Amino acid sequence: MRTLAEPFRYSVVLGAVALLVAAIPASPAYADEAWDMCTNEDPDIGIAGCDEVLSRGDAESDRNRAIAYRNRGLAYQAKDNLDAAIADYVEAISLDPGYVTAFNDLGIAYRNKDDIERAIGAYSDAIRLDPDYAYAYNNRGNAYRDRGDFDLAIADYSDAIRLDPAYVFAYNGRGNAFQDKGELDRAIADYDMAIRLDPDYQATFYGRGNAHRDLGNVDLAIADYTESIRLDPSYAAAYNGRGNAHRDLGNVDLAIADYARAIELEPRYVFAFNGRANAYAAIGETERAIADYDLAIRFDPNYAIAYRNRGLAFDDLGQTDRALEDYDAAIRLNPAYAYAYNDRGIIYDNRGMPERAVEEYSRALEIDPNYTFAYNNRGVAYQNMGEMELAIADYEAALALEPDYERAQENLEQALSEMGDGGFRAAGASRSQSGGAPQADRATTRTFYGEGTGGGPDIWVLIEP
């Protein structure tokens, strides 16, 4: 019975798979032809060839059959038939329980199905079998990051780098995780290293651009997004990122052009529809903004940010019932969405329901204790209820967080004036005499991409060492 040597050929790819190439010793012509097909990078040819190999049954060794199942799994994965790919990887592992790369591939397939726990389990099995397998550490780091376990992700990326100090994708992944944690300087240091190792890696320029934008270095962000686009003119995420940065600078026309290009490249790119809608809203083209939010929601009905942003647009048009429906939807999808609670509170207060508004603002502050607008706005609601001491306490809390917050300062001064010498609004004084009604604030800008702060699309290595 023939025994196939372990493969030596490998490939580093984005969004594709590397097929296992076996060194085949002398054998009958029909066998060579089938194995040649089974290792073909065209998935349809690969599936047909592996089918032929597997049809021989016990004429092939268990190891050979395991390789054929794994190859066919890669081909199915290339065709986005993840269930078939998983079934083949499982068969490969049952025939060869020590097949490290099959466990790694199984993890990738599970992750592509958003089955993160099983992905982590498969990567962990690969690491258990080969503690020096850097690719599995990198891939498990990606999965931990998906789950929000950024410290575990950073530990795995660090192990991958320890095992392979030139592992570009691990530096990029760790940079993404540092950025997720808000450790932007450490993120930029990792992106810098990845770029030093591979100056043509477009995703790292995109990631570094995001970090620079988060730091407020918008010109540096634009430079990085532009370099990413130069390296890959079809990289939609970089156009979207640059659009966000142009919008930060008030260059709305440039922003809209970049969002449009991102949508042209990826017609269902919800982040770009949301970004372009935000740009339209900024210049008062509210109806066009709503049309783009509609498309973002159509393509991703679970996109809470687009619901909240569309609610702001409806509110701008005075359609507060529809705005409330969108805020409700945003909160249903993301119960920790502080901005949406704040926005809902403003509508309730404007409708003469300050008690309900206080509930909304309080929930926003439970989620984000540093949310200055929510303190100011709850102060307004308390003031409308006549609870002046509570109002003053909230205005002061807002100013403690943001001393230059003019609206809160104005509201505080008015509240103190209304208190008068007796601790209540001075007798006979109306709000018009003491400075008008206190003013609420919603978030100064609409939420942008909602992609998280990480860098470019995760790149993982599907190769045999």
Protein backbone atom coordinates (compact mmCIF):
# COMPACT_ATOMS: atom_id res chain seq x y z
CA MET A 1 0.00 0.00 0.00
CA ARG A 2 1.45 3.39 -0.98
CA THR A 3 2.28 5.95 1.72
CA LEU A 4 2.14 9.62 0.83
CA ALA A 5 4.87 11.84 2.24
CA GLU A 6 3.86 14.84 4.35
CA PRO A 7 3.31 17.85 2.10
CA PHE A 8 5.84 20.57 1.75
CA ARG A 9 4.02 23.12 -0.37
CA TYR A 10 2.14 25.92 1.34
CA SER A 11 0.47 29.22 0.63
CA VAL A 12 -0.41 32.34 2.58
CA VAL A 13 -3.74 33.68 1.38
CA LEU A 14 -6.58 36.02 2.31
CA GLY A 15 -10.01 34.48 2.15
CA ALA A 16 -8.80 31.36 0.39
CA VAL A 17 -7.33 28.00 1.31
CA ALA A 18 -4.05 26.25 0.61
CA LEU A 19 -4.38 22.74 -0.76
CA LEU A 20 -2.26 19.94 0.50
CA VAL A 21 0.26 18.79 -2.08
CA ALA A 22 1.58 15.29 -1.57
CA ALA A 23 4.83 13.86 -2.88
CA ILE A 24 3.58 10.73 -4.62
CA PRO A 25 5.97 7.85 -5.21
CA ALA A 26 5.81 5.72 -8.32
CA SER A 27 2.38 4.25 -8.77
CA PRO A 28 -0.06 3.28 -11.49
CA ALA A 29 -1.03 6.05 -13.89
CA TYR A 30 -4.63 6.10 -12.71
CA ALA A 31 -3.42 6.71 -9.14
CA ASP A 32 -1.14 9.58 -10.12
CA GLU A 33 -3.91 11.24 -12.08
CA ALA A 34 -6.40 11.02 -9.23
CA TRP A 35 -3.91 12.37 -6.70
CA ASP A 36 -2.90 15.17 -9.06
CA MET A 37 -6.56 16.15 -9.26
CA CYS A 38 -6.99 15.81 -5.49
CA THR A 39 -4.23 18.39 -4.97
CA ASN A 40 -5.47 20.79 -7.66
CA GLU A 41 -6.21 24.33 -6.52
CA ASP A 42 -9.42 24.41 -8.56
CA PRO A 43 -11.93 23.20 -5.95
CA ASP A 44 -14.17 21.38 -8.42
CA ILE A 45 -11.23 19.46 -9.85
CA GLY A 46 -9.93 18.84 -6.35
CA ILE A 47 -13.24 17.41 -5.16
CA ALA A 48 -13.50 15.11 -8.17
CA GLY A 49 -9.94 13.86 -7.69
CA CYS A 50 -10.35 13.29 -3.95
CA ASP A 51 -13.63 11.46 -4.62
CA GLU A 52 -11.72 9.10 -6.90
CA VAL A 53 -8.98 8.55 -4.33
CA LEU A 54 -11.49 7.90 -1.54
CA SER A 55 -13.48 5.50 -3.72
CA ARG A 56 -10.51 3.09 -3.54
CA GLY A 57 -11.23 2.43 0.12
CA ASP A 58 -8.68 0.20 1.83
CA ALA A 59 -6.48 0.26 -1.26
CA GLU A 60 -5.24 3.55 0.20
CA SER A 61 -3.64 3.72 3.64
CA ASP A 62 -5.47 5.44 6.49
CA ARG A 63 -2.96 8.26 6.29
CA ASN A 64 -3.53 8.72 2.56
CA ARG A 65 -7.28 8.72 3.04
CA ALA A 66 -6.94 11.27 5.83
CA ILE A 67 -4.99 13.53 3.47
CA ALA A 68 -7.63 13.10 0.78
CA TYR A 69 -10.42 13.97 3.21
CA ARG A 70 -8.51 17.02 4.39
CA ASN A 71 -7.85 18.13 0.79
CA ARG A 72 -11.49 17.69 -0.13
CA GLY A 73 -12.45 19.64 2.98
CA LEU A 74 -10.26 22.52 1.85
CA ALA A 75 -11.92 22.41 -1.57
CA TYR A 76 -15.38 22.46 -0.02
CA GLN A 77 -14.31 25.35 2.18
CA ALA A 78 -13.14 27.25 -0.88
CA LYS A 79 -16.67 26.83 -2.23
CA ASP A 80 -18.15 28.06 1.09
CA ASN A 81 -19.67 24.64 1.76
CA LEU A 82 -18.58 24.71 5.38
CA ASP A 83 -20.70 21.81 6.59
CA ALA A 84 -19.18 19.50 3.99
CA ALA A 85 -15.70 20.82 4.84
CA ILE A 86 -16.23 20.16 8.55
CA ALA A 87 -17.46 16.64 7.86
CA ASP A 88 -14.33 15.89 5.83
CA TYR A 89 -11.97 17.35 8.44
CA VAL A 90 -13.66 15.21 11.08
CA GLU A 91 -13.16 12.12 8.88
CA ALA A 92 -9.51 13.03 8.38
CA ILE A 93 -9.03 13.32 12.13
CA SER A 94 -10.83 10.02 12.81
CA LEU A 95 -8.38 8.30 10.45
CA ASP A 96 -5.36 10.17 11.84
CA PRO A 97 -6.02 11.52 15.37
CA GLY A 98 -2.65 13.26 15.38
CA TYR A 99 -3.34 15.26 12.22
CA VAL A 100 -2.47 18.74 13.52
CA THR A 101 -3.27 20.73 10.40
CA ALA A 102 -6.67 19.07 10.05
CA PHE A 103 -7.54 20.32 13.55
CA ASN A 104 -6.36 23.79 12.50
CA ASP A 105 -8.50 23.67 9.35
CA LEU A 106 -11.46 22.45 11.37
CA GLY A 107 -11.08 25.47 13.65
CA ILE A 108 -11.04 27.81 10.66
CA ALA A 109 -14.23 26.26 9.28
CA TYR A 110 -16.00 26.53 12.63
CA ARG A 111 -14.89 30.15 12.97
CA ASN A 112 -16.21 30.91 9.50
CA LYS A 113 -19.54 29.54 10.72
CA ASP A 114 -19.32 31.81 13.79
CA ASP A 115 -19.11 28.72 16.00
CA ILE A 116 -16.37 30.29 18.07
CA GLU A 117 -16.34 27.82 20.95
CA ARG A 118 -15.81 24.83 18.66
CA ALA A 119 -13.19 26.79 16.72
CA ILE A 120 -11.28 27.43 19.95
CA GLY A 121 -11.58 23.76 20.84
CA ALA A 122 -10.15 22.65 17.49
CA TYR A 123 -7.25 25.11 17.66
CA SER A 124 -6.55 23.99 21.22
CA ASP A 125 -6.37 20.38 20.02
CA ALA A 126 -3.85 21.42 17.38
CA ILE A 127 -1.76 23.16 20.03
CA ARG A 128 -2.02 20.17 22.37
CA LEU A 129 -0.65 17.95 19.59
CA ASP A 130 2.04 20.43 18.56
CA PRO A 131 2.83 23.12 21.16
CA ASP A 132 5.17 24.79 18.65
CA TYR A 133 2.49 25.24 15.95
CA ALA A 134 2.49 29.03 15.62
CA TYR A 135 -0.42 29.15 13.16
CA ALA A 136 -2.83 27.56 15.64
CA TYR A 137 -1.89 30.14 18.29
CA ASN A 138 -2.55 32.94 15.80
CA ASN A 139 -5.86 31.43 14.75
CA ARG A 140 -6.99 30.81 18.31
CA GLY A 141 -6.05 34.42 19.03
CA ASN A 142 -8.43 35.49 16.27
CA ALA A 143 -11.19 33.39 17.81
CA TYR A 144 -10.58 34.74 21.31
CA ARG A 145 -10.74 38.24 19.86
CA ASP A 146 -14.07 37.38 18.20
CA ARG A 147 -15.33 36.38 21.65
CA GLY A 148 -14.10 39.61 23.22
CA ASP A 149 -11.38 37.89 25.27
CA PHE A 150 -8.70 40.36 24.26
CA ASP A 151 -6.16 39.38 26.92
CA LEU A 152 -6.34 35.72 25.88
CA ALA A 153 -6.03 36.80 22.25
CA ILE A 154 -2.96 38.90 23.02
CA ALA A 155 -1.38 35.96 24.87
CA ASP A 156 -1.90 33.69 21.87
CA TYR A 157 -0.59 36.22 19.36
CA SER A 158 2.44 36.69 21.62
CA ASP A 159 3.05 32.93 21.64
CA ALA A 160 2.81 32.88 17.86
CA ILE A 161 5.38 35.68 17.68
CA ARG A 162 7.63 33.90 20.19
CA LEU A 163 7.59 30.82 17.96
CA ASP A 164 7.95 32.81 14.74
CA PRO A 165 9.40 36.32 15.32
CA ALA A 166 8.71 37.26 11.68
CA TYR A 167 5.01 36.25 11.82
CA VAL A 168 3.41 39.33 10.25
CA PHE A 169 -0.19 38.27 10.76
CA ALA A 170 0.35 37.69 14.48
CA TYR A 171 1.72 41.20 14.89
CA ASN A 172 -1.30 42.51 13.00
CA GLY A 173 -3.68 40.44 15.10
CA ARG A 174 -2.09 41.56 18.36
CA GLY A 175 -2.26 45.14 17.14
CA ASN A 176 -5.98 44.66 16.52
CA ALA A 177 -6.48 43.27 20.03
CA PHE A 178 -4.52 46.09 21.64
CA GLN A 179 -6.67 48.52 19.69
CA ASP A 180 -9.81 46.76 20.90
CA LYS A 181 -8.58 47.36 24.45
CA GLY A 182 -7.90 51.02 23.75
CA GLU A 183 -4.12 50.55 24.09
CA LEU A 184 -3.53 52.48 20.91
CA ASP A 185 0.18 53.19 21.26
CA ARG A 186 0.89 49.46 21.71
CA ALA A 187 -1.35 48.73 18.75
CA ILE A 188 0.57 51.14 16.55
CA ALA A 189 3.88 49.60 17.68
CA ASP A 190 2.66 46.17 16.49
CA TYR A 191 1.35 47.56 13.22
CA ASP A 192 4.71 49.28 12.71
CA MET A 193 6.50 45.96 13.18
CA ALA A 194 4.15 44.19 10.78
CA ILE A 195 4.76 46.88 8.17
CA ARG A 196 8.51 46.66 8.72
CA LEU A 197 8.33 42.91 8.07
CA ASP A 198 5.98 43.26 5.09
CA PRO A 199 5.66 46.79 3.63
CA ASP A 200 3.06 45.51 1.14
CA TYR A 201 0.58 44.22 3.74
CA GLN A 202 -2.42 46.46 3.06
CA ALA A 203 -4.51 45.35 6.06
CA THR A 204 -1.90 46.58 8.54
CA PHE A 205 -1.92 50.07 7.06
CA TYR A 206 -5.70 49.99 7.44
CA GLY A 207 -5.42 48.88 11.07
CA ARG A 208 -2.84 51.53 11.86
CA GLY A 209 -5.06 54.09 10.18
CA ASN A 210 -7.89 53.12 12.53
CA ALA A 211 -5.59 53.52 15.53
CA HIS A 212 -4.40 56.94 14.37
CA ARG A 213 -8.02 58.00 13.85
CA ASP A 214 -8.95 56.84 17.35
CA LEU A 215 -6.06 58.97 18.68
CA GLY A 216 -7.34 61.97 16.74
CA ASN A 217 -4.42 61.91 14.29
CA VAL A 218 -6.75 62.12 11.34
CA ASP A 219 -4.17 63.24 8.76
CA LEU A 220 -1.97 60.25 9.65
CA ALA A 221 -5.04 58.01 9.41
CA ILE A 222 -5.83 59.30 5.92
CA ALA A 223 -2.23 58.68 4.85
CA ASP A 224 -2.43 55.07 6.06
CA TYR A 225 -5.80 54.42 4.45
CA THR A 226 -4.48 55.89 1.20
CA GLU A 227 -1.41 53.63 1.29
CA SER A 228 -3.65 50.64 1.94
CA ILE A 229 -5.71 51.58 -1.11
CA ARG A 230 -2.57 52.02 -3.21
CA LEU A 231 -1.48 48.51 -2.28
CA ASP A 232 -4.93 47.08 -2.94
CA PRO A 233 -7.29 49.33 -4.93
CA SER A 234 -10.11 46.85 -4.31
CA TYR A 235 -9.86 47.05 -0.49
CA ALA A 236 -13.32 48.38 0.40
CA ALA A 237 -12.62 48.68 4.14
CA ALA A 238 -9.82 51.16 3.49
CA TYR A 239 -12.13 53.38 1.43
CA ASN A 240 -14.68 53.22 4.24
CA GLY A 241 -12.03 54.10 6.83
CA ARG A 242 -10.78 57.02 4.76
CA GLY A 243 -14.37 58.17 4.31
CA ASN A 244 -14.80 58.23 8.09
CA ALA A 245 -11.60 60.25 8.44
CA HIS A 246 -12.64 62.75 5.77
CA ARG A 247 -15.96 63.12 7.58
CA ASP A 248 -14.07 63.82 10.83
CA LEU A 249 -12.36 66.74 9.08
CA GLY A 250 -15.63 68.02 7.63
CA ASN A 251 -14.67 67.05 4.08
CA VAL A 252 -18.12 65.62 3.38
CA ASP A 253 -17.83 65.45 -0.39
CA LEU A 254 -14.60 63.45 -0.15
CA ALA A 255 -16.19 61.22 2.47
CA ILE A 256 -19.22 60.51 0.30
CA ALA A 257 -16.97 59.68 -2.64
CA ASP A 258 -15.01 57.16 -0.57
CA TYR A 259 -18.15 55.53 0.83
CA ALA A 260 -19.54 55.28 -2.69
CA ARG A 261 -16.37 53.55 -3.89
CA ALA A 262 -16.52 51.11 -0.96
CA ILE A 263 -20.14 50.30 -1.87
CA GLU A 264 -19.20 49.88 -5.52
CA LEU A 265 -16.60 47.32 -4.48
CA GLU A 266 -18.88 45.60 -1.95
CA PRO A 267 -22.53 46.34 -2.76
CA ARG A 268 -23.74 44.99 0.60
CA TYR A 269 -21.15 46.82 2.73
CA VAL A 270 -23.38 47.99 5.57
CA PHE A 271 -20.69 50.07 7.29
CA ALA A 272 -20.22 52.16 4.16
CA PHE A 273 -23.98 52.69 3.77
CA ASN A 274 -24.09 53.81 7.40
CA GLY A 275 -21.10 56.10 6.93
CA ARG A 276 -22.49 57.68 3.78
CA ALA A 277 -25.82 58.17 5.52
CA ASN A 278 -24.04 59.96 8.37
CA ALA A 279 -22.35 62.23 5.84
CA TYR A 280 -25.66 63.03 4.16
CA ALA A 281 -27.22 63.77 7.55
CA ALA A 282 -24.35 66.14 8.37
CA ILE A 283 -25.20 68.33 5.36
CA GLY A 284 -28.94 68.21 5.96
CA GLU A 285 -29.81 65.68 3.26
CA THR A 286 -31.89 63.71 5.71
CA GLU A 287 -34.03 61.81 3.23
CA ARG A 288 -30.93 60.51 1.42
CA ALA A 289 -29.47 59.58 4.78
CA ILE A 290 -32.57 57.58 5.68
CA ALA A 291 -32.41 55.78 2.32
CA ASP A 292 -28.86 54.65 3.08
CA TYR A 293 -29.74 53.61 6.64
CA ASP A 294 -32.61 51.61 5.13
CA LEU A 295 -30.16 49.73 2.93
CA ALA A 296 -27.76 49.09 5.81
CA ILE A 297 -30.63 47.60 7.83
CA ARG A 298 -31.93 45.59 4.87
CA PHE A 299 -28.53 43.98 4.39
CA ASP A 300 -27.98 43.49 8.13
CA PRO A 301 -31.21 43.49 10.17
CA ASN A 302 -29.14 43.10 13.35
CA TYR A 303 -27.11 46.28 12.80
CA ALA A 304 -28.09 48.23 15.93
CA ILE A 305 -26.02 51.29 15.03
CA ALA A 306 -27.94 51.87 11.81
CA TYR A 307 -31.25 51.73 13.68
CA ARG A 308 -30.05 54.29 16.19
CA ASN A 309 -28.67 56.57 13.48
CA ARG A 310 -31.88 56.31 11.45
CA GLY A 311 -33.76 57.20 14.63
CA LEU A 312 -31.73 60.41 14.85
CA ALA A 313 -32.65 61.20 11.26
CA PHE A 314 -36.36 60.64 11.92
CA ASP A 315 -36.02 62.84 15.01
CA ASP A 316 -34.45 65.55 12.84
CA LEU A 317 -37.58 65.40 10.68
CA GLY A 318 -39.82 65.62 13.73
CA GLN A 319 -41.02 62.03 13.27
CA THR A 320 -40.49 61.09 16.90
CA ASP A 321 -42.72 58.00 16.84
CA ARG A 322 -40.56 56.46 14.14
CA ALA A 323 -37.44 57.61 15.96
CA LEU A 324 -38.60 55.82 19.11
CA GLU A 325 -39.28 52.65 17.12
CA ASP A 326 -35.68 52.72 15.86
CA TYR A 327 -34.21 53.44 19.29
CA ASP A 328 -36.28 50.55 20.67
CA ALA A 329 -34.92 48.28 17.94
CA ALA A 330 -31.34 49.39 18.61
CA ILE A 331 -31.71 48.64 22.33
CA ARG A 332 -33.36 45.29 21.64
CA LEU A 333 -30.37 44.33 19.50
CA ASN A 334 -27.83 45.84 21.91
CA PRO A 335 -29.17 46.21 25.46
CA ALA A 336 -25.93 47.99 26.43
CA TYR A 337 -26.35 50.77 23.84
CA ALA A 338 -25.99 53.85 26.06
CA TYR A 339 -26.48 56.38 23.24
CA ALA A 340 -29.87 54.91 22.33
CA TYR A 341 -31.12 55.15 25.93
CA ASN A 342 -29.98 58.78 26.01
CA ASP A 343 -31.75 59.55 22.72
CA ARG A 344 -34.92 57.87 23.93
CA GLY A 345 -34.76 59.88 27.16
CA ILE A 346 -34.66 63.16 25.22
CA ILE A 347 -37.87 62.29 23.38
CA TYR A 348 -39.66 61.29 26.57
CA ASP A 349 -38.59 64.51 28.31
CA ASN A 350 -39.70 66.60 25.34
CA ARG A 351 -43.07 64.85 25.56
CA GLY A 352 -43.52 65.94 29.15
CA MET A 353 -42.52 62.56 30.64
CA PRO A 354 -39.47 63.51 32.72
CA GLU A 355 -39.81 60.57 35.10
CA ARG A 356 -39.53 58.15 32.17
CA ALA A 357 -36.65 60.23 30.79
CA VAL A 358 -34.79 59.89 34.11
CA GLU A 359 -35.10 56.11 33.84
CA GLU A 360 -33.57 56.18 30.36
CA TYR A 361 -30.69 58.47 31.32
CA SER A 362 -30.00 56.43 34.44
CA ARG A 363 -29.77 53.28 32.37
CA ALA A 364 -27.33 55.02 30.00
CA LEU A 365 -25.18 55.99 32.99
CA GLU A 366 -25.24 52.47 34.39
CA ILE A 367 -23.74 51.34 31.09
CA ASP A 368 -21.32 54.27 30.72
CA PRO A 369 -20.61 56.14 33.99
CA ASN A 370 -18.53 58.69 32.03
CA TYR A 371 -21.32 59.67 29.63
CA THR A 372 -21.38 63.45 30.17
CA PHE A 373 -24.46 64.12 28.02
CA ALA A 374 -26.51 61.65 30.04
CA TYR A 375 -25.61 63.46 33.28
CA ASN A 376 -26.56 66.81 31.74
CA ASN A 377 -29.77 65.42 30.29
CA ARG A 378 -30.82 63.71 33.50
CA GLY A 379 -30.20 67.04 35.20
CA VAL A 380 -32.60 68.65 32.72
CA ALA A 381 -35.25 66.03 33.45
CA TYR A 382 -34.81 66.46 37.21
CA GLN A 383 -35.08 70.23 36.76
CA ASN A 384 -38.28 69.76 34.80
CA MET A 385 -39.58 67.69 37.73
CA GLY A 386 -38.63 70.43 40.18
CA GLU A 387 -35.90 68.26 41.75
CA MET A 388 -33.37 71.06 41.75
CA GLU A 389 -30.78 69.53 44.07
CA LEU A 390 -30.66 66.35 41.98
CA ALA A 391 -30.42 68.47 38.82
CA ILE A 392 -27.52 70.49 40.20
CA ALA A 393 -25.72 67.31 41.27
CA ASP A 394 -25.97 65.93 37.72
CA TYR A 395 -24.79 69.15 36.07
CA GLU A 396 -21.83 69.18 38.42
CA ALA A 397 -21.09 65.52 37.60
CA ALA A 398 -21.09 66.38 33.89
CA LEU A 399 -18.71 69.28 34.49
CA ALA A 400 -16.41 67.16 36.63
CA LEU A 401 -15.99 64.84 33.65
CA GLU A 402 -15.81 67.63 31.07
CA PRO A 403 -15.01 71.04 32.60
CA ASP A 404 -15.47 72.87 29.28
CA TYR A 405 -18.98 71.50 28.71
CA GLU A 406 -20.78 74.81 28.08
CA ARG A 407 -24.31 73.42 27.98
CA ALA A 408 -23.95 71.84 31.41
CA GLN A 409 -22.43 75.04 32.79
CA GLU A 410 -25.34 77.11 31.43
CA ASN A 411 -27.86 74.66 32.86
CA LEU A 412 -26.10 74.67 36.25
CA GLU A 413 -26.14 78.46 36.42
CA GLN A 414 -29.82 78.52 35.54
CA ALA A 415 -30.64 75.89 38.15
CA LEU A 416 -28.78 77.78 40.82
CA SER A 417 -30.64 80.94 39.81
CA GLU A 418 -33.97 79.15 40.02
CA MET A 419 -33.14 77.87 43.48
CA GLY A 420 -33.10 81.46 44.79
CA ASP A 421 -32.30 82.33 48.36
CA GLY A 422 -34.85 79.87 49.74
CA GLY A 423 -33.54 76.88 47.84
CA PHE A 424 -36.41 76.96 45.31
CA ARG A 425 -37.10 78.94 42.20
CA ALA A 426 -37.45 82.56 43.27
CA ALA A 427 -41.04 83.53 43.82
CA GLY A 428 -42.64 84.91 40.69
CA ALA A 429 -39.61 84.01 38.56
CA SER A 430 -40.33 82.17 35.36
CA ARG A 431 -37.87 80.17 33.29
CA SER A 432 -37.91 82.92 30.70
CA GLN A 433 -36.76 85.37 33.38
CA SER A 434 -34.02 83.08 34.64
CA GLY A 435 -32.56 82.08 31.29
CA GLY A 436 -35.08 79.79 29.52
CA ALA A 437 -35.56 76.05 29.71
CA PRO A 438 -32.52 73.86 30.39
CA GLN A 439 -31.16 72.16 27.30
CA ALA A 440 -30.50 68.48 26.67
CA ASP A 441 -27.79 67.06 24.38
CA ARG A 442 -27.64 63.92 22.34
CA ALA A 443 -24.33 62.50 21.14
CA THR A 444 -22.55 65.15 19.12
CA THR A 445 -22.01 62.78 16.20
CA ARG A 446 -23.69 59.75 14.82
CA THR A 447 -21.98 56.46 15.38
CA PHE A 448 -19.85 55.41 12.45
CA TYR A 449 -18.75 52.06 11.21
CA GLY A 450 -19.51 49.88 14.22
CA GLU A 451 -16.81 47.47 13.12
CA GLY A 452 -14.93 47.73 16.37
CA THR A 453 -11.64 49.51 16.54
CA GLY A 454 -9.50 46.69 15.25
CA GLY A 455 -7.52 46.63 12.07
CA GLY A 456 -8.19 44.97 8.77
CA PRO A 457 -9.84 41.65 8.11
CA ASP A 458 -8.23 38.85 10.05
CA ILE A 459 -5.70 37.00 7.96
CA TRP A 460 -4.89 33.46 8.92
CA VAL A 461 -2.40 31.05 7.52
CA LEU A 462 -3.65 27.79 6.12
CA ILE A 463 -0.35 26.09 5.46
CA GLU A 464 1.63 23.06 6.31
CA PRO A 465 4.91 23.85 8.07
